[in-house]
Amino acid sequence: VSTQSTWGYYFYQRLMNPFIYQQIATKFCQFARRLIAISPTKFHFDEECATDDVFQHKPDMTVEEQTAIAKKEHNQYVENIRKSGIEITVFKQGNLEAIDSIFPDWFTIQRGDSIPDGVLTVFPMCHPVRRKEKDLKIIEELKKGCKHYIDLSSLELSAEFLEGKGSLIYDHRNNKIYCCLSNRAKLSALEKYVVELNKVSLKPWTVFTFHGKDKKGLPIYHTDCMLQLLDKHALLCSSALAEPEKSMLIEELSSTTKNKVPYAFVDISFEEDDKMCCNILNVINDKNENVLLMSKQAYDNYTKPHRDLLTANYKIVVSDVTTIESIGGGSTRCLLAEYFQQNR
């Protein structure tokens, strides 16, 4: 077996050293090598979603001006991703009334050791304007790469919401899902999702739920606003949690007895969290490097120890999406969906 290429080495180690194989295979299951983005055709401040998204700020700009700047920032972000050796597929916003389409929270694709054939899930969205983002053409295209399909949209009729990627942080290496419960992430919807997910999974997924509040005491609407899992570290704004949930969550993330692969806990402050320092994404590039995608705002506002820690352990790709962050209330992770593929 040739060991000259990464995958040649991968298969060689699979035959010769099962322990090293497990480390390599686990890495590729946890983090995506391919991404999905939705290019905006019409983007502007969303009055409906701003009622519970404190990151949104109404600008003194026309819709046309907001859209033009968002397109420019988004295009540059996609270009930065591609230049970093990361594959990305870009779909175009279809429904002009779906003004938050730039944030693909309404679906996820999961594939790994537990779901080798892949599953596409469409989620129930809280605000009616966000339900308009669901695009049948995108669904049909993505279904081609997945054996399994779960559609939870009917839960919207009973006000049971679970906003996909924004509400759920997946830990593929430990088969866990972390979720901050809120009006956009209802426990009943989460429980029904896990039942359906485990029907197609070779290994059962477990769920850890908690409640987060920002520095003003308002509920945190999406989990990825306060928690992010990286290759070695778990970034968590622990100040957003009350006891005993705070201690329980930190233990759940870092315990060597509860995890096959535990995380080193990094405590993100409220000040950092307000600047999107948890809304980042760990992906794998074509050199099999761990890459962190983050906004300029996030990079500039990490404390020096935290910035030094991240730059020492990961390749950092910084993009300026300031206008999208301010108007839309979402940052670099919000702008992407992970597309887990079969190992190549």
Protein backbone atom coordinates (compact mmCIF):
# COMPACT_ATOMS: atom_id res chain seq x y z
CA VAL A 1 0.00 0.00 0.00
CA SER A 2 1.38 3.39 -1.00
CA THR A 3 1.93 5.84 1.87
CA GLN A 4 2.80 8.81 -0.34
CA SER A 5 -0.67 10.41 -0.10
CA THR A 6 -2.71 11.24 2.97
CA TRP A 7 -5.35 8.66 2.18
CA GLY A 8 -2.75 6.08 1.20
CA TYR A 9 -1.28 6.63 4.63
CA TYR A 10 -4.74 6.46 6.16
CA PHE A 11 -5.47 3.01 4.70
CA TYR A 12 -1.96 1.79 5.52
CA GLN A 13 -2.41 2.78 9.17
CA ARG A 14 -5.85 1.18 9.18
CA LEU A 15 -4.20 -2.13 8.35
CA MET A 16 -1.08 -1.73 10.47
CA ASN A 17 -2.12 0.32 13.49
CA PRO A 18 -5.79 0.31 14.54
CA PHE A 19 -5.21 2.90 17.28
CA ILE A 20 -3.78 5.50 14.89
CA TYR A 21 -6.51 4.65 12.41
CA GLN A 22 -9.14 5.42 15.03
CA GLN A 23 -7.57 8.82 15.75
CA ILE A 24 -7.46 9.74 12.06
CA ALA A 25 -10.93 8.43 11.26
CA THR A 26 -12.44 10.19 14.27
CA LYS A 27 -10.93 13.51 13.22
CA PHE A 28 -12.53 13.37 9.80
CA CYS A 29 -15.91 12.36 11.24
CA GLN A 30 -16.02 15.28 13.66
CA PHE A 31 -15.22 18.12 11.28
CA ALA A 32 -16.47 18.73 7.77
CA ARG A 33 -14.25 18.95 4.72
CA ARG A 34 -16.99 20.52 2.62
CA LEU A 35 -19.35 23.41 3.32
CA ILE A 36 -22.58 24.85 1.97
CA ALA A 37 -23.49 28.53 1.72
CA ILE A 38 -26.53 30.42 0.42
CA SER A 39 -25.72 33.51 -1.63
CA PRO A 40 -28.10 36.40 -0.88
CA THR A 41 -30.23 38.01 -3.55
CA LYS A 42 -32.18 40.14 -1.06
CA PHE A 43 -30.93 40.78 2.46
CA HIS A 44 -32.03 43.33 5.01
CA PHE A 45 -32.95 43.86 8.65
CA ASP A 46 -35.57 41.37 9.84
CA GLU A 47 -38.08 42.98 12.20
CA GLU A 48 -39.68 39.63 13.01
CA CYS A 49 -36.52 37.82 14.11
CA ALA A 50 -35.10 40.88 15.89
CA THR A 51 -37.65 40.33 18.65
CA ASP A 52 -35.43 37.63 20.17
CA ASP A 53 -32.05 38.10 18.44
CA VAL A 54 -30.17 40.74 20.38
CA PHE A 55 -27.29 40.68 17.89
CA GLN A 56 -29.40 42.41 15.22
CA HIS A 57 -29.18 46.17 14.80
CA LYS A 58 -31.39 48.17 12.46
CA PRO A 59 -29.25 50.18 10.01
CA ASP A 60 -29.84 53.54 8.42
CA MET A 61 -29.62 52.06 4.92
CA THR A 62 -31.98 51.14 2.13
CA VAL A 63 -32.74 47.49 1.36
CA GLU A 64 -30.68 47.81 -1.80
CA GLU A 65 -27.68 49.14 0.13
CA GLN A 66 -27.93 46.40 2.74
CA THR A 67 -28.14 43.73 0.05
CA ALA A 68 -25.18 45.14 -1.91
CA ILE A 69 -22.88 45.18 1.12
CA ALA A 70 -24.02 41.72 2.24
CA LYS A 71 -23.31 40.30 -1.23
CA LYS A 72 -19.82 41.80 -1.21
CA GLU A 73 -19.00 40.47 2.26
CA HIS A 74 -20.46 37.05 1.49
CA ASN A 75 -18.58 36.71 -1.80
CA GLN A 76 -15.31 37.60 -0.10
CA TYR A 77 -16.01 35.13 2.69
CA VAL A 78 -16.59 32.32 0.19
CA GLU A 79 -13.41 33.29 -1.66
CA ASN A 80 -11.42 33.21 1.60
CA ILE A 81 -12.77 29.73 2.34
CA ARG A 82 -11.78 28.42 -1.09
CA LYS A 83 -8.33 29.99 -0.90
CA SER A 84 -7.83 28.14 2.38
CA GLY A 85 -8.26 24.78 0.64
CA ILE A 86 -11.82 24.11 1.79
CA GLU A 87 -14.49 22.91 -0.61
CA ILE A 88 -17.71 24.91 -0.59
CA THR A 89 -20.92 24.66 -2.59
CA VAL A 90 -22.90 27.88 -2.98
CA PHE A 91 -26.62 27.87 -3.66
CA LYS A 92 -28.53 31.01 -4.58
CA GLN A 93 -31.35 32.41 -2.47
CA GLY A 94 -34.57 31.51 -4.28
CA ASN A 95 -37.38 33.21 -2.36
CA LEU A 96 -36.91 36.97 -2.13
CA GLU A 97 -39.14 37.04 0.95
CA ALA A 98 -36.72 34.72 2.75
CA ILE A 99 -34.47 37.57 3.82
CA ASP A 100 -32.43 35.42 6.25
CA SER A 101 -31.57 32.76 3.66
CA ILE A 102 -27.93 33.73 4.05
CA PHE A 103 -28.03 31.79 7.35
CA PRO A 104 -28.76 28.12 6.46
CA ASP A 105 -30.06 27.00 9.86
CA TRP A 106 -33.03 25.04 8.51
CA PHE A 107 -31.16 21.87 7.53
CA THR A 108 -28.22 19.72 8.56
CA ILE A 109 -26.34 16.86 6.93
CA GLN A 110 -24.83 14.29 9.28
CA ARG A 111 -22.48 11.50 8.27
CA GLY A 112 -19.83 9.58 10.17
CA ASP A 113 -19.13 6.35 11.97
CA SER A 114 -22.65 6.27 13.38
CA ILE A 115 -24.44 7.30 10.16
CA PRO A 116 -22.19 6.14 7.30
CA ASP A 117 -24.87 6.60 4.62
CA GLY A 118 -25.72 10.15 5.66
CA VAL A 119 -28.93 11.84 6.78
CA LEU A 120 -30.44 15.12 5.65
CA THR A 121 -32.74 16.73 8.22
CA VAL A 122 -35.09 19.68 7.66
CA PHE A 123 -36.04 21.44 10.89
CA PRO A 124 -39.05 23.33 12.27
CA MET A 125 -38.32 27.05 12.32
CA CYS A 126 -39.76 29.42 14.91
CA HIS A 127 -40.51 32.61 12.96
CA PRO A 128 -42.74 32.28 9.86
CA VAL A 129 -40.35 34.40 7.80
CA ARG A 130 -37.60 31.84 8.34
CA ARG A 131 -39.79 28.96 7.17
CA LYS A 132 -39.73 30.57 3.74
CA GLU A 133 -36.03 29.70 3.47
CA LYS A 134 -36.77 26.01 2.88
CA ASP A 135 -35.95 25.46 -0.77
CA LEU A 136 -37.22 22.30 -2.48
CA LYS A 137 -34.50 22.50 -5.15
CA ILE A 138 -31.79 22.56 -2.49
CA ILE A 139 -33.48 19.72 -0.60
CA GLU A 140 -33.66 17.53 -3.70
CA GLU A 141 -30.03 18.23 -4.55
CA LEU A 142 -28.80 17.41 -1.04
CA LYS A 143 -30.95 14.27 -0.82
CA LYS A 144 -28.88 12.79 -3.65
CA GLY A 145 -25.93 12.46 -1.27
CA CYS A 146 -27.84 10.99 1.67
CA LYS A 147 -29.63 7.69 2.09
CA HIS A 148 -31.82 8.97 4.91
CA TYR A 149 -34.16 11.96 5.09
CA ILE A 150 -35.92 13.44 8.12
CA ASP A 151 -38.44 16.27 7.77
CA LEU A 152 -39.65 17.78 11.05
CA SER A 153 -41.45 20.74 9.45
CA SER A 154 -44.85 19.52 10.63
CA LEU A 155 -43.82 20.35 14.21
CA GLU A 156 -44.23 24.02 13.32
CA LEU A 157 -48.00 23.46 13.49
CA SER A 158 -47.73 22.61 17.19
CA ALA A 159 -45.19 25.37 17.93
CA GLU A 160 -42.41 22.82 18.54
CA PHE A 161 -39.32 24.49 17.13
CA LEU A 162 -35.73 23.36 16.69
CA GLU A 163 -33.62 25.56 14.47
CA GLY A 164 -31.11 23.02 13.20
CA LYS A 165 -27.49 24.09 13.07
CA GLY A 166 -28.06 27.16 15.20
CA SER A 167 -29.75 25.21 17.98
CA LEU A 168 -27.59 22.09 17.90
CA ILE A 169 -23.90 21.51 18.51
CA TYR A 170 -22.94 18.01 17.39
CA ASP A 171 -20.09 16.08 18.97
CA HIS A 172 -19.59 13.29 16.45
CA ARG A 173 -16.64 11.76 18.26
CA ASN A 174 -18.66 11.20 21.43
CA ASN A 175 -22.11 10.87 19.82
CA LYS A 176 -23.57 13.76 21.76
CA ILE A 177 -25.75 16.74 20.93
CA TYR A 178 -25.63 19.93 23.00
CA CYS A 179 -28.63 22.24 22.97
CA CYS A 180 -29.47 25.51 24.70
CA LEU A 181 -33.23 25.41 25.15
CA SER A 182 -35.13 28.53 24.09
CA ASN A 183 -38.22 29.59 22.20
CA ARG A 184 -36.34 28.48 19.08
CA ALA A 185 -35.27 25.14 20.58
CA LYS A 186 -38.08 23.33 22.35
CA LEU A 187 -37.34 20.20 24.38
CA SER A 188 -40.25 18.29 22.83
CA ALA A 189 -38.94 18.93 19.30
CA LEU A 190 -35.42 17.93 20.34
CA GLU A 191 -36.66 14.67 21.85
CA LYS A 192 -38.61 13.82 18.69
CA TYR A 193 -35.59 14.64 16.53
CA VAL A 194 -33.27 12.36 18.52
CA VAL A 195 -35.78 9.51 18.24
CA GLU A 196 -35.76 9.86 14.44
CA LEU A 197 -31.99 10.32 14.31
CA ASN A 198 -31.35 7.18 16.33
CA LYS A 199 -33.53 5.17 13.95
CA VAL A 200 -30.90 5.65 11.24
CA SER A 201 -27.82 5.70 13.48
CA LEU A 202 -25.63 2.70 14.25
CA LYS A 203 -24.76 4.26 17.61
CA PRO A 204 -27.25 6.04 19.87
CA TRP A 205 -26.97 9.79 20.23
CA THR A 206 -27.38 11.34 23.67
CA VAL A 207 -28.46 14.89 24.42
CA PHE A 208 -27.28 17.45 26.96
CA THR A 209 -29.59 20.44 27.39
CA PHE A 210 -29.15 23.66 29.33
CA HIS A 211 -30.46 27.22 29.57
CA GLY A 212 -28.36 30.26 28.69
CA LYS A 213 -28.89 33.96 29.39
CA ASP A 214 -26.90 36.93 28.14
CA LYS A 215 -25.44 39.67 30.35
CA LYS A 216 -28.82 41.44 30.39
CA GLY A 217 -30.58 38.30 31.56
CA LEU A 218 -32.26 37.62 28.21
CA PRO A 219 -32.48 34.03 26.91
CA ILE A 220 -29.81 33.01 24.41
CA TYR A 221 -31.77 31.89 21.37
CA HIS A 222 -29.15 29.71 19.61
CA THR A 223 -26.62 27.32 21.12
CA ASP A 224 -23.87 28.39 18.73
CA CYS A 225 -24.01 31.87 20.25
CA MET A 226 -22.40 30.54 23.44
CA LEU A 227 -20.77 27.15 22.70
CA GLN A 228 -18.45 25.81 20.05
CA LEU A 229 -16.51 22.55 19.80
CA LEU A 230 -13.07 22.58 18.19
CA ASP A 231 -10.56 19.80 17.63
CA LYS A 232 -8.99 20.14 21.07
CA HIS A 233 -11.06 22.78 22.84
CA ALA A 234 -14.60 23.65 23.86
CA LEU A 235 -15.32 27.37 23.81
CA LEU A 236 -18.09 28.17 26.28
CA CYS A 237 -19.45 31.38 27.74
CA SER A 238 -19.93 29.87 31.18
CA SER A 239 -21.18 33.18 32.62
CA ALA A 240 -24.36 32.60 30.61
CA LEU A 241 -25.15 29.56 32.76
CA ALA A 242 -26.44 29.21 36.31
CA GLU A 243 -25.47 26.43 38.66
CA PRO A 244 -25.76 23.49 38.68
CA GLU A 245 -26.00 23.52 34.85
CA LYS A 246 -22.70 25.37 34.51
CA SER A 247 -20.64 22.78 36.37
CA MET A 248 -22.55 19.91 34.78
CA LEU A 249 -21.94 21.18 31.24
CA ILE A 250 -18.23 21.80 31.82
CA GLU A 251 -17.88 18.29 33.22
CA GLU A 252 -19.85 16.83 30.31
CA LEU A 253 -17.45 18.47 27.86
CA SER A 254 -14.15 17.81 29.64
CA SER A 255 -14.61 14.55 31.54
CA THR A 256 -12.28 11.72 30.51
CA THR A 257 -14.78 9.16 31.78
CA LYS A 258 -17.78 10.60 29.91
CA ASN A 259 -15.97 11.17 26.62
CA LYS A 260 -13.90 9.11 24.27
CA VAL A 261 -12.37 12.42 23.22
CA PRO A 262 -12.65 15.09 25.97
CA TYR A 263 -12.20 18.82 25.39
CA ALA A 264 -10.07 21.41 27.11
CA PHE A 265 -12.47 24.03 28.46
CA VAL A 266 -11.95 27.65 27.32
CA ASP A 267 -14.07 30.17 29.22
CA ILE A 268 -15.32 32.90 26.88
CA SER A 269 -16.39 36.11 28.62
CA PHE A 270 -19.65 37.97 28.00
CA GLU A 271 -17.60 40.70 26.30
CA GLU A 272 -16.06 38.17 23.90
CA ASP A 273 -19.36 36.40 23.36
CA ASP A 274 -21.05 39.66 22.37
CA LYS A 275 -18.47 39.95 19.59
CA MET A 276 -19.23 36.53 18.06
CA CYS A 277 -16.22 34.76 19.60
CA CYS A 278 -18.20 31.52 19.96
CA ASN A 279 -19.75 31.70 16.50
CA ILE A 280 -16.78 30.20 14.69
CA LEU A 281 -16.33 26.92 12.81
CA ASN A 282 -13.63 24.23 12.81
CA VAL A 283 -13.24 22.57 9.40
CA ILE A 284 -10.60 20.46 7.66
CA ASN A 285 -8.81 21.77 4.56
CA ASP A 286 -7.16 19.90 1.68
CA LYS A 287 -3.94 19.60 3.70
CA ASN A 288 -5.86 17.92 6.55
CA GLU A 289 -5.28 20.95 8.78
CA ASN A 290 -7.73 22.15 11.41
CA VAL A 291 -8.94 25.52 10.17
CA LEU A 292 -10.95 27.99 12.24
CA LEU A 293 -13.28 30.25 10.27
CA MET A 294 -14.03 33.40 12.22
CA SER A 295 -15.02 37.01 11.68
CA LYS A 296 -12.73 39.99 12.01
CA GLN A 297 -14.88 41.17 14.89
CA ALA A 298 -14.37 37.90 16.75
CA TYR A 299 -10.61 37.77 16.09
CA ASP A 300 -10.11 41.36 17.22
CA ASN A 301 -12.05 40.85 20.45
CA TYR A 302 -10.57 37.66 21.88
CA THR A 303 -8.46 38.28 24.94
CA LYS A 304 -4.77 37.92 24.12
CA PRO A 305 -4.45 34.56 25.94
CA HIS A 306 -7.43 33.18 24.03
CA ARG A 307 -6.20 34.49 20.68
CA ASP A 308 -2.74 33.09 21.35
CA LEU A 309 -4.23 29.72 22.28
CA LEU A 310 -6.26 29.48 19.09
CA THR A 311 -3.49 30.65 16.77
CA ALA A 312 -1.08 28.16 18.36
CA ASN A 313 -3.41 25.20 17.76
CA TYR A 314 -5.30 26.03 14.57
CA LYS A 315 -4.95 27.71 11.21
CA ILE A 316 -7.01 30.90 11.47
CA VAL A 317 -8.99 32.32 8.54
CA VAL A 318 -10.44 35.75 9.28
CA SER A 319 -13.18 37.36 7.19
CA ASP A 320 -14.83 40.74 7.53
CA VAL A 321 -18.60 40.18 7.67
CA THR A 322 -19.30 43.16 9.89
CA THR A 323 -22.44 44.35 8.11
CA ILE A 324 -23.96 40.87 7.97
CA GLU A 325 -23.24 40.43 11.67
CA SER A 326 -24.78 43.76 12.62
CA ILE A 327 -27.91 43.60 10.46
CA GLY A 328 -28.54 39.85 10.41
CA GLY A 329 -27.29 38.95 13.89
CA GLY A 330 -25.21 36.00 12.70
CA SER A 331 -21.51 35.46 12.08
CA THR A 332 -19.21 33.07 10.24
CA ARG A 333 -20.67 29.81 11.60
CA CYS A 334 -24.22 31.01 11.00
CA LEU A 335 -23.35 31.62 7.35
CA LEU A 336 -22.44 27.98 6.68
CA ALA A 337 -23.82 24.47 6.77
CA GLU A 338 -21.49 21.49 7.12
CA TYR A 339 -21.64 18.84 4.40
CA PHE A 340 -20.24 15.62 5.80
CA GLN A 341 -19.25 13.24 3.01
CA GLN A 342 -17.99 9.71 2.78
CA ASN A 343 -14.25 9.43 3.43
CA ARG A 344 -12.42 9.93 0.18
